[in-house]
Amino acid sequence: MRRTELLLQRLGEIGKSLERKGGALALLGLGSAGTETERLDEYSDLDFFVIVKPGEKNRYIDRLDWLEEIQPLAYAFKNSEVGYKVLFEDGIYGEYAVFEEWELENASYTGARIIWKDPMYGNTEIATPVNPIPSLKNDSLDFPLNEALTNLYVGLGRYARGERLSATRFVQGYAIDSILSVLHLLEPEVDYYPDPFGNERRLEKRYPRFAEIIGSMMQGYDHVPESALRILDYLEEVYPVNSRLSDEIRRLANLTCR
């Protein structure tokens, strides 16, 4: 059986297990296990929510028999008060959370699909989130790109001081994140399953032009100055960078380059 088929089959088996155990109202698949099954592949995992009746939440959090009866668990890690990350013995990995219905009002999710629900449960809108997810995209270049520039400056100063890990994060992490937040303003975005929780997701499909050059901006722990210079070059191509700040960034980078 292909892995994609096994993933979908496992979801169905989880729904049947919830039905047998009782106390559950619905099972929601999320992401590629939800409404985006077209992008399900052999590297996908299972993200899902279990919605339970009042008073049943702890039973499904504290006892994992409803999963282990489907396939033994090789690993289980309680990563939050409401859920686990698990690895089944056959290699299927999943992350899930357990909620009572009212708690979904405060949950952030998208792309949900009803996998199973109790026939007596009448809420057919449960897959639709109540609260909109705040956008990670900015509608102006000014703040994010100036933030990126100052990240370069601060990061290079820390690199010169010997704080290389912090420098790596400022230059190849924070500065890049700021650019990603406005990339839709700098090049056409291909509509390929954008993720509201992470601008970096599926970047290579969504922004193929930027994907061709981002490697030179993230050359690793030992090449922070070189990465900073490439990021600065890019920023100067797309934005009127302050020349004094640009000169200072280049001075620091050239000072610390090998």
C-alpha atoms as a PDB file:
ATOM      1  CA  MET A   1       0.000   0.000   0.000  1.00  0.00           C
ATOM      2  CA  ARG A   2       1.289   3.477  -0.873  1.00  0.00           C
ATOM      3  CA  ARG A   3       2.108   5.678   2.100  1.00  0.00           C
ATOM      4  CA  THR A   4      -0.475   8.300   1.089  1.00  0.00           C
ATOM      5  CA  GLU A   5      -3.155   5.606   1.111  1.00  0.00           C
ATOM      6  CA  LEU A   6      -1.908   4.376   4.487  1.00  0.00           C
ATOM      7  CA  LEU A   7      -2.122   7.896   5.924  1.00  0.00           C
ATOM      8  CA  LEU A   8      -5.729   8.325   4.848  1.00  0.00           C
ATOM      9  CA  GLN A   9      -6.563   4.814   6.005  1.00  0.00           C
ATOM     10  CA  ARG A  10      -5.068   5.574   9.417  1.00  0.00           C
ATOM     11  CA  LEU A  11      -7.310   8.613   9.764  1.00  0.00           C
ATOM     12  CA  GLY A  12     -10.327   6.479   9.001  1.00  0.00           C
ATOM     13  CA  GLU A  13      -9.186   3.909  11.566  1.00  0.00           C
ATOM     14  CA  ILE A  14      -8.817   6.629  14.197  1.00  0.00           C
ATOM     15  CA  GLY A  15     -12.393   7.718  13.510  1.00  0.00           C
ATOM     16  CA  LYS A  16     -13.644   4.145  13.929  1.00  0.00           C
ATOM     17  CA  SER A  17     -11.681   3.803  17.168  1.00  0.00           C
ATOM     18  CA  LEU A  18     -13.269   6.975  18.550  1.00  0.00           C
ATOM     19  CA  GLU A  19     -16.682   5.613  17.658  1.00  0.00           C
ATOM     20  CA  ARG A  20     -15.970   2.333  19.478  1.00  0.00           C
ATOM     21  CA  LYS A  21     -14.598   4.003  22.599  1.00  0.00           C
ATOM     22  CA  GLY A  22     -17.425   6.515  22.926  1.00  0.00           C
ATOM     23  CA  GLY A  23     -17.340  10.010  24.326  1.00  0.00           C
ATOM     24  CA  ALA A  24     -16.084  11.607  21.118  1.00  0.00           C
ATOM     25  CA  LEU A  25     -18.068  13.901  18.840  1.00  0.00           C
ATOM     26  CA  ALA A  26     -15.858  14.388  15.801  1.00  0.00           C
ATOM     27  CA  LEU A  27     -12.463  13.900  14.205  1.00  0.00           C
ATOM     28  CA  LEU A  28     -11.043  16.743  12.103  1.00  0.00           C
ATOM     29  CA  GLY A  29      -8.138  16.297   9.702  1.00  0.00           C
ATOM     30  CA  LEU A  30      -5.961  19.373   9.208  1.00  0.00           C
ATOM     31  CA  GLY A  31      -3.536  20.531   6.519  1.00  0.00           C
ATOM     32  CA  SER A  32      -2.675  17.774   4.060  1.00  0.00           C
ATOM     33  CA  ALA A  33      -4.860  15.475   6.132  1.00  0.00           C
ATOM     34  CA  GLY A  34      -7.686  18.014   5.834  1.00  0.00           C
ATOM     35  CA  THR A  35      -8.869  19.909   2.781  1.00  0.00           C
ATOM     36  CA  GLU A  36      -5.440  19.861   1.102  1.00  0.00           C
ATOM     37  CA  THR A  37      -5.125  16.134   0.423  1.00  0.00           C
ATOM     38  CA  GLU A  38      -3.841  16.933  -3.088  1.00  0.00           C
ATOM     39  CA  ARG A  39      -0.441  17.745  -1.547  1.00  0.00           C
ATOM     40  CA  LEU A  40      -0.335  14.610   0.597  1.00  0.00           C
ATOM     41  CA  ASP A  41       2.860  12.677  -0.132  1.00  0.00           C
ATOM     42  CA  GLU A  42       5.180  10.096   1.387  1.00  0.00           C
ATOM     43  CA  TYR A  43       6.690  12.714   3.709  1.00  0.00           C
ATOM     44  CA  SER A  44       3.373  13.929   5.124  1.00  0.00           C
ATOM     45  CA  ASP A  45       2.235  13.359   8.660  1.00  0.00           C
ATOM     46  CA  LEU A  46      -1.182  13.350  10.267  1.00  0.00           C
ATOM     47  CA  ASP A  47      -2.446  16.535  11.925  1.00  0.00           C
ATOM     48  CA  PHE A  48      -5.843  16.209  13.553  1.00  0.00           C
ATOM     49  CA  PHE A  49      -8.199  17.426  16.252  1.00  0.00           C
ATOM     50  CA  VAL A  50     -10.405  15.187  18.363  1.00  0.00           C
ATOM     51  CA  ILE A  51     -13.587  16.874  19.585  1.00  0.00           C
ATOM     52  CA  VAL A  52     -15.086  15.242  22.658  1.00  0.00           C
ATOM     53  CA  LYS A  53     -18.147  15.505  24.857  1.00  0.00           C
ATOM     54  CA  PRO A  54     -17.935  17.503  28.092  1.00  0.00           C
ATOM     55  CA  GLY A  55     -15.976  15.604  30.721  1.00  0.00           C
ATOM     56  CA  GLU A  56     -14.282  13.236  28.244  1.00  0.00           C
ATOM     57  CA  LYS A  57     -11.206  15.296  27.458  1.00  0.00           C
ATOM     58  CA  ASN A  58      -8.844  13.842  30.052  1.00  0.00           C
ATOM     59  CA  ARG A  59      -9.776  10.304  29.083  1.00  0.00           C
ATOM     60  CA  TYR A  60      -8.497  10.895  25.534  1.00  0.00           C
ATOM     61  CA  ILE A  61      -5.422  12.791  26.687  1.00  0.00           C
ATOM     62  CA  ASP A  62      -4.318  10.572  29.565  1.00  0.00           C
ATOM     63  CA  ARG A  63      -4.985   7.225  27.876  1.00  0.00           C
ATOM     64  CA  LEU A  64      -3.731   6.410  24.400  1.00  0.00           C
ATOM     65  CA  ASP A  65      -5.419   3.043  23.998  1.00  0.00           C
ATOM     66  CA  TRP A  66      -7.674   4.511  21.287  1.00  0.00           C
ATOM     67  CA  LEU A  67      -4.549   4.885  19.154  1.00  0.00           C
ATOM     68  CA  GLU A  68      -2.579   1.855  20.294  1.00  0.00           C
ATOM     69  CA  GLU A  69      -5.399  -0.507  19.439  1.00  0.00           C
ATOM     70  CA  ILE A  70      -5.037   0.567  15.801  1.00  0.00           C
ATOM     71  CA  GLN A  71      -1.246   0.246  15.679  1.00  0.00           C
ATOM     72  CA  PRO A  72       1.271   0.105  18.545  1.00  0.00           C
ATOM     73  CA  LEU A  73       2.968   3.397  19.350  1.00  0.00           C
ATOM     74  CA  ALA A  74       6.751   3.441  19.126  1.00  0.00           C
ATOM     75  CA  TYR A  75       6.924   6.976  20.592  1.00  0.00           C
ATOM     76  CA  ALA A  76       4.564   9.386  22.327  1.00  0.00           C
ATOM     77  CA  PHE A  77       5.415  12.876  23.549  1.00  0.00           C
ATOM     78  CA  LYS A  78       2.889  15.090  25.331  1.00  0.00           C
ATOM     79  CA  ASN A  79       3.868  18.408  23.773  1.00  0.00           C
ATOM     80  CA  SER A  80       1.012  20.458  25.236  1.00  0.00           C
ATOM     81  CA  GLU A  81      -1.724  20.228  27.820  1.00  0.00           C
ATOM     82  CA  VAL A  82      -4.166  19.135  25.135  1.00  0.00           C
ATOM     83  CA  GLY A  83      -2.237  16.846  22.854  1.00  0.00           C
ATOM     84  CA  TYR A  84       0.596  14.638  21.732  1.00  0.00           C
ATOM     85  CA  LYS A  85       3.122  14.000  19.015  1.00  0.00           C
ATOM     86  CA  VAL A  86       3.207  10.288  18.232  1.00  0.00           C
ATOM     87  CA  LEU A  87       5.011   7.799  16.026  1.00  0.00           C
ATOM     88  CA  PHE A  88       3.247   4.560  15.204  1.00  0.00           C
ATOM     89  CA  GLU A  89       5.296   1.377  14.957  1.00  0.00           C
ATOM     90  CA  ASP A  90       4.771   1.315  11.190  1.00  0.00           C
ATOM     91  CA  GLY A  91       6.351   4.755  10.757  1.00  0.00           C
ATOM     92  CA  ILE A  92       3.248   6.956  10.572  1.00  0.00           C
ATOM     93  CA  TYR A  93       3.846  10.188  12.484  1.00  0.00           C
ATOM     94  CA  GLY A  94       1.055  12.376  13.827  1.00  0.00           C
ATOM     95  CA  GLU A  95       0.322  15.440  15.913  1.00  0.00           C
ATOM     96  CA  TYR A  96      -3.047  16.017  17.524  1.00  0.00           C
ATOM     97  CA  ALA A  97      -4.985  17.945  20.120  1.00  0.00           C
ATOM     98  CA  VAL A  98      -8.162  17.113  22.031  1.00  0.00           C
ATOM     99  CA  PHE A  99     -10.837  19.755  22.608  1.00  0.00           C
ATOM    100  CA  GLU A 100     -14.325  20.155  23.904  1.00  0.00           C
ATOM    101  CA  GLU A 101     -16.454  21.964  21.342  1.00  0.00           C
ATOM    102  CA  TRP A 102     -16.463  25.319  23.113  1.00  0.00           C
ATOM    103  CA  GLU A 103     -12.655  25.409  23.177  1.00  0.00           C
ATOM    104  CA  LEU A 104     -12.497  25.606  19.377  1.00  0.00           C
ATOM    105  CA  GLU A 105     -13.524  29.249  19.694  1.00  0.00           C
ATOM    106  CA  ASN A 106      -9.956  29.953  20.879  1.00  0.00           C
ATOM    107  CA  ALA A 107      -8.142  27.466  18.649  1.00  0.00           C
ATOM    108  CA  SER A 108      -6.186  28.521  15.570  1.00  0.00           C
ATOM    109  CA  TYR A 109      -6.596  26.213  12.600  1.00  0.00           C
ATOM    110  CA  THR A 110      -7.399  26.161   8.923  1.00  0.00           C
ATOM    111  CA  GLY A 111      -8.115  23.671   6.169  1.00  0.00           C
ATOM    112  CA  ALA A 112     -10.064  21.357   8.472  1.00  0.00           C
ATOM    113  CA  ARG A 113     -12.067  18.430   7.135  1.00  0.00           C
ATOM    114  CA  ILE A 114     -14.537  16.248   9.014  1.00  0.00           C
ATOM    115  CA  ILE A 115     -13.157  12.707   8.935  1.00  0.00           C
ATOM    116  CA  TRP A 116     -15.751  11.249  11.286  1.00  0.00           C
ATOM    117  CA  LYS A 117     -18.514  12.513  13.508  1.00  0.00           C
ATOM    118  CA  ASP A 118     -21.116  11.000  15.774  1.00  0.00           C
ATOM    119  CA  PRO A 119     -24.335  10.636  13.742  1.00  0.00           C
ATOM    120  CA  MET A 120     -26.191  12.373  16.581  1.00  0.00           C
ATOM    121  CA  TYR A 121     -23.847  15.355  16.554  1.00  0.00           C
ATOM    122  CA  GLY A 122     -25.511  18.116  14.593  1.00  0.00           C
ATOM    123  CA  ASN A 123     -22.793  20.767  14.222  1.00  0.00           C
ATOM    124  CA  THR A 124     -21.864  20.555  10.544  1.00  0.00           C
ATOM    125  CA  GLU A 125     -19.885  23.825  10.720  1.00  0.00           C
ATOM    126  CA  ILE A 126     -17.320  22.495  13.160  1.00  0.00           C
ATOM    127  CA  ALA A 127     -14.607  22.424  10.493  1.00  0.00           C
ATOM    128  CA  THR A 128     -14.960  26.189   9.993  1.00  0.00           C
ATOM    129  CA  PRO A 129     -12.806  28.155  12.475  1.00  0.00           C
ATOM    130  CA  VAL A 130     -14.505  30.875  14.487  1.00  0.00           C
ATOM    131  CA  ASN A 131     -11.542  33.230  14.728  1.00  0.00           C
ATOM    132  CA  PRO A 132      -9.660  34.396  11.615  1.00  0.00           C
ATOM    133  CA  ILE A 133      -5.903  33.762  11.679  1.00  0.00           C
ATOM    134  CA  PRO A 134      -3.848  36.975  11.660  1.00  0.00           C
ATOM    135  CA  SER A 135      -1.884  37.365   8.450  1.00  0.00           C
ATOM    136  CA  LEU A 136       1.890  36.927   8.546  1.00  0.00           C
ATOM    137  CA  LYS A 137       2.185  39.092   5.445  1.00  0.00           C
ATOM    138  CA  ASN A 138       2.848  42.819   5.586  1.00  0.00           C
ATOM    139  CA  ASP A 139       1.245  45.292   3.196  1.00  0.00           C
ATOM    140  CA  SER A 140       4.197  47.693   3.135  1.00  0.00           C
ATOM    141  CA  LEU A 141       7.926  47.242   2.526  1.00  0.00           C
ATOM    142  CA  ASP A 142       9.062  49.956   4.900  1.00  0.00           C
ATOM    143  CA  PHE A 143       8.907  48.330   8.322  1.00  0.00           C
ATOM    144  CA  PRO A 144       9.952  44.746   7.410  1.00  0.00           C
ATOM    145  CA  LEU A 145      12.858  45.701   5.169  1.00  0.00           C
ATOM    146  CA  ASN A 146      14.226  48.309   7.557  1.00  0.00           C
ATOM    147  CA  GLU A 147      13.897  45.689  10.280  1.00  0.00           C
ATOM    148  CA  ALA A 148      15.897  43.319   8.079  1.00  0.00           C
ATOM    149  CA  LEU A 149      18.605  45.932   7.574  1.00  0.00           C
ATOM    150  CA  THR A 150      18.976  46.547  11.295  1.00  0.00           C
ATOM    151  CA  ASN A 151      19.044  42.783  11.860  1.00  0.00           C
ATOM    152  CA  LEU A 152      22.044  42.620   9.543  1.00  0.00           C
ATOM    153  CA  TYR A 153      23.818  45.400  11.398  1.00  0.00           C
ATOM    154  CA  VAL A 154      23.177  43.994  14.872  1.00  0.00           C
ATOM    155  CA  GLY A 155      23.971  40.459  13.760  1.00  0.00           C
ATOM    156  CA  LEU A 156      27.313  41.426  12.239  1.00  0.00           C
ATOM    157  CA  GLY A 157      28.241  43.278  15.406  1.00  0.00           C
ATOM    158  CA  ARG A 158      27.556  40.161  17.422  1.00  0.00           C
ATOM    159  CA  TYR A 159      29.534  38.064  14.959  1.00  0.00           C
ATOM    160  CA  ALA A 160      32.505  40.389  15.387  1.00  0.00           C
ATOM    161  CA  ARG A 161      32.152  40.014  19.157  1.00  0.00           C
ATOM    162  CA  GLY A 162      32.253  36.247  18.836  1.00  0.00           C
ATOM    163  CA  GLU A 163      28.525  35.636  19.356  1.00  0.00           C
ATOM    164  CA  ARG A 164      28.180  33.547  16.219  1.00  0.00           C
ATOM    165  CA  LEU A 165      24.989  31.682  17.067  1.00  0.00           C
ATOM    166  CA  SER A 166      23.134  34.901  17.857  1.00  0.00           C
ATOM    167  CA  ALA A 167      24.569  36.463  14.706  1.00  0.00           C
ATOM    168  CA  THR A 168      23.388  33.541  12.607  1.00  0.00           C
ATOM    169  CA  ARG A 169      19.866  33.948  13.900  1.00  0.00           C
ATOM    170  CA  PHE A 170      19.791  37.700  13.317  1.00  0.00           C
ATOM    171  CA  VAL A 171      21.179  37.537   9.786  1.00  0.00           C
ATOM    172  CA  GLN A 172      19.935  34.229   8.415  1.00  0.00           C
ATOM    173  CA  GLY A 173      16.810  33.988  10.548  1.00  0.00           C
ATOM    174  CA  TYR A 174      15.190  37.267  11.554  1.00  0.00           C
ATOM    175  CA  ALA A 175      16.255  39.242   8.474  1.00  0.00           C
ATOM    176  CA  ILE A 176      15.078  36.489   6.135  1.00  0.00           C
ATOM    177  CA  ASP A 177      11.756  36.235   7.994  1.00  0.00           C
ATOM    178  CA  SER A 178      11.178  39.945   7.444  1.00  0.00           C
ATOM    179  CA  ILE A 179      11.833  39.580   3.729  1.00  0.00           C
ATOM    180  CA  LEU A 180       9.466  36.616   3.507  1.00  0.00           C
ATOM    181  CA  SER A 181       6.681  38.709   5.043  1.00  0.00           C
ATOM    182  CA  VAL A 182       6.725  41.048   2.028  1.00  0.00           C
ATOM    183  CA  LEU A 183       7.874  38.697  -0.696  1.00  0.00           C
ATOM    184  CA  HIS A 184       4.379  38.792  -2.205  1.00  0.00           C
ATOM    185  CA  LEU A 185       5.023  42.494  -2.889  1.00  0.00           C
ATOM    186  CA  LEU A 186       8.362  41.818  -4.580  1.00  0.00           C
ATOM    187  CA  GLU A 187       7.536  38.978  -6.954  1.00  0.00           C
ATOM    188  CA  PRO A 188       4.398  37.190  -8.178  1.00  0.00           C
ATOM    189  CA  GLU A 189       3.288  34.454  -5.810  1.00  0.00           C
ATOM    190  CA  VAL A 190       2.304  31.096  -7.245  1.00  0.00           C
ATOM    191  CA  ASP A 191      -0.905  29.940  -5.590  1.00  0.00           C
ATOM    192  CA  TYR A 192       0.377  26.726  -4.044  1.00  0.00           C
ATOM    193  CA  TYR A 193      -1.106  26.016  -0.605  1.00  0.00           C
ATOM    194  CA  PRO A 194       0.119  29.034   1.392  1.00  0.00           C
ATOM    195  CA  ASP A 195       0.360  28.316   5.101  1.00  0.00           C
ATOM    196  CA  PRO A 196      -1.041  31.025   7.401  1.00  0.00           C
ATOM    197  CA  PHE A 197       1.262  29.811  10.177  1.00  0.00           C
ATOM    198  CA  GLY A 198       4.559  30.023   8.284  1.00  0.00           C
ATOM    199  CA  ASN A 199       5.690  32.120   5.303  1.00  0.00           C
ATOM    200  CA  GLU A 200       8.554  29.691   4.711  1.00  0.00           C
ATOM    201  CA  ARG A 201       6.232  26.774   3.912  1.00  0.00           C
ATOM    202  CA  ARG A 202       6.368  25.658   0.280  1.00  0.00           C
ATOM    203  CA  LEU A 203       8.482  28.711  -0.561  1.00  0.00           C
ATOM    204  CA  GLU A 204      10.179  26.903  -3.431  1.00  0.00           C
ATOM    205  CA  LYS A 205       6.855  26.407  -5.209  1.00  0.00           C
ATOM    206  CA  ARG A 206       5.309  29.747  -4.288  1.00  0.00           C
ATOM    207  CA  TYR A 207       8.292  32.011  -5.024  1.00  0.00           C
ATOM    208  CA  PRO A 208      10.559  30.173  -7.493  1.00  0.00           C
ATOM    209  CA  ARG A 209      12.635  33.253  -8.348  1.00  0.00           C
ATOM    210  CA  PHE A 210      13.543  33.961  -4.742  1.00  0.00           C
ATOM    211  CA  ALA A 211      14.112  30.260  -4.104  1.00  0.00           C
ATOM    212  CA  GLU A 212      16.938  30.339  -6.645  1.00  0.00           C
ATOM    213  CA  ILE A 213      18.925  32.901  -4.645  1.00  0.00           C
ATOM    214  CA  ILE A 214      18.002  32.292  -1.001  1.00  0.00           C
ATOM    215  CA  GLY A 215      20.767  29.717  -0.616  1.00  0.00           C
ATOM    216  CA  SER A 216      23.392  32.438  -1.029  1.00  0.00           C
ATOM    217  CA  MET A 217      21.698  34.394   1.765  1.00  0.00           C
ATOM    218  CA  MET A 218      21.850  31.447   4.175  1.00  0.00           C
ATOM    219  CA  GLN A 219      25.374  30.058   3.926  1.00  0.00           C
ATOM    220  CA  GLY A 220      25.499  28.795   7.480  1.00  0.00           C
ATOM    221  CA  TYR A 221      27.113  29.343  10.852  1.00  0.00           C
ATOM    222  CA  ASP A 222      30.628  29.988   9.523  1.00  0.00           C
ATOM    223  CA  HIS A 223      29.578  32.329   6.727  1.00  0.00           C
ATOM    224  CA  VAL A 224      27.421  34.961   8.404  1.00  0.00           C
ATOM    225  CA  PRO A 225      29.234  37.986   6.857  1.00  0.00           C
ATOM    226  CA  GLU A 226      28.978  36.511   3.350  1.00  0.00           C
ATOM    227  CA  SER A 227      25.285  35.827   3.883  1.00  0.00           C
ATOM    228  CA  ALA A 228      24.709  39.352   5.181  1.00  0.00           C
ATOM    229  CA  LEU A 229      26.368  40.886   2.135  1.00  0.00           C
ATOM    230  CA  ARG A 230      24.178  38.862  -0.220  1.00  0.00           C
ATOM    231  CA  ILE A 231      21.041  39.852   1.704  1.00  0.00           C
ATOM    232  CA  LEU A 232      22.126  43.484   1.585  1.00  0.00           C
ATOM    233  CA  ASP A 233      22.664  43.251  -2.179  1.00  0.00           C
ATOM    234  CA  TYR A 234      19.142  41.918  -2.558  1.00  0.00           C
ATOM    235  CA  LEU A 235      17.617  44.601  -0.346  1.00  0.00           C
ATOM    236  CA  GLU A 236      19.349  47.295  -2.346  1.00  0.00           C
ATOM    237  CA  GLU A 237      17.875  45.834  -5.527  1.00  0.00           C
ATOM    238  CA  VAL A 238      14.297  46.043  -4.263  1.00  0.00           C
ATOM    239  CA  TYR A 239      14.288  48.985  -1.817  1.00  0.00           C
ATOM    240  CA  PRO A 240      15.906  52.438  -1.401  1.00  0.00           C
ATOM    241  CA  VAL A 241      18.302  51.428   1.379  1.00  0.00           C
ATOM    242  CA  ASN A 242      19.801  54.177   3.532  1.00  0.00           C
ATOM    243  CA  SER A 243      23.326  54.598   2.167  1.00  0.00           C
ATOM    244  CA  ARG A 244      24.940  55.339   5.543  1.00  0.00           C
ATOM    245  CA  LEU A 245      23.510  52.192   7.087  1.00  0.00           C
ATOM    246  CA  SER A 246      24.457  50.199   4.012  1.00  0.00           C
ATOM    247  CA  ASP A 247      28.066  51.399   4.312  1.00  0.00           C
ATOM    248  CA  GLU A 248      28.190  50.391   7.975  1.00  0.00           C
ATOM    249  CA  ILE A 249      26.812  46.933   7.240  1.00  0.00           C
ATOM    250  CA  ARG A 250      29.433  46.408   4.531  1.00  0.00           C
ATOM    251  CA  ARG A 251      32.208  47.682   6.818  1.00  0.00           C
ATOM    252  CA  LEU A 252      31.256  45.207   9.533  1.00  0.00           C
ATOM    253  CA  ALA A 253      30.868  42.372   7.073  1.00  0.00           C
ATOM    254  CA  ASN A 254      34.231  42.995   5.425  1.00  0.00           C
ATOM    255  CA  LEU A 255      35.839  43.347   8.842  1.00  0.00           C
ATOM    256  CA  THR A 256      34.696  39.880   9.876  1.00  0.00           C
ATOM    257  CA  CYS A 257      34.917  38.003   6.575  1.00  0.00           C
ATOM    258  CA  ARG A 258      37.513  35.271   6.523  1.00  0.00           C
END
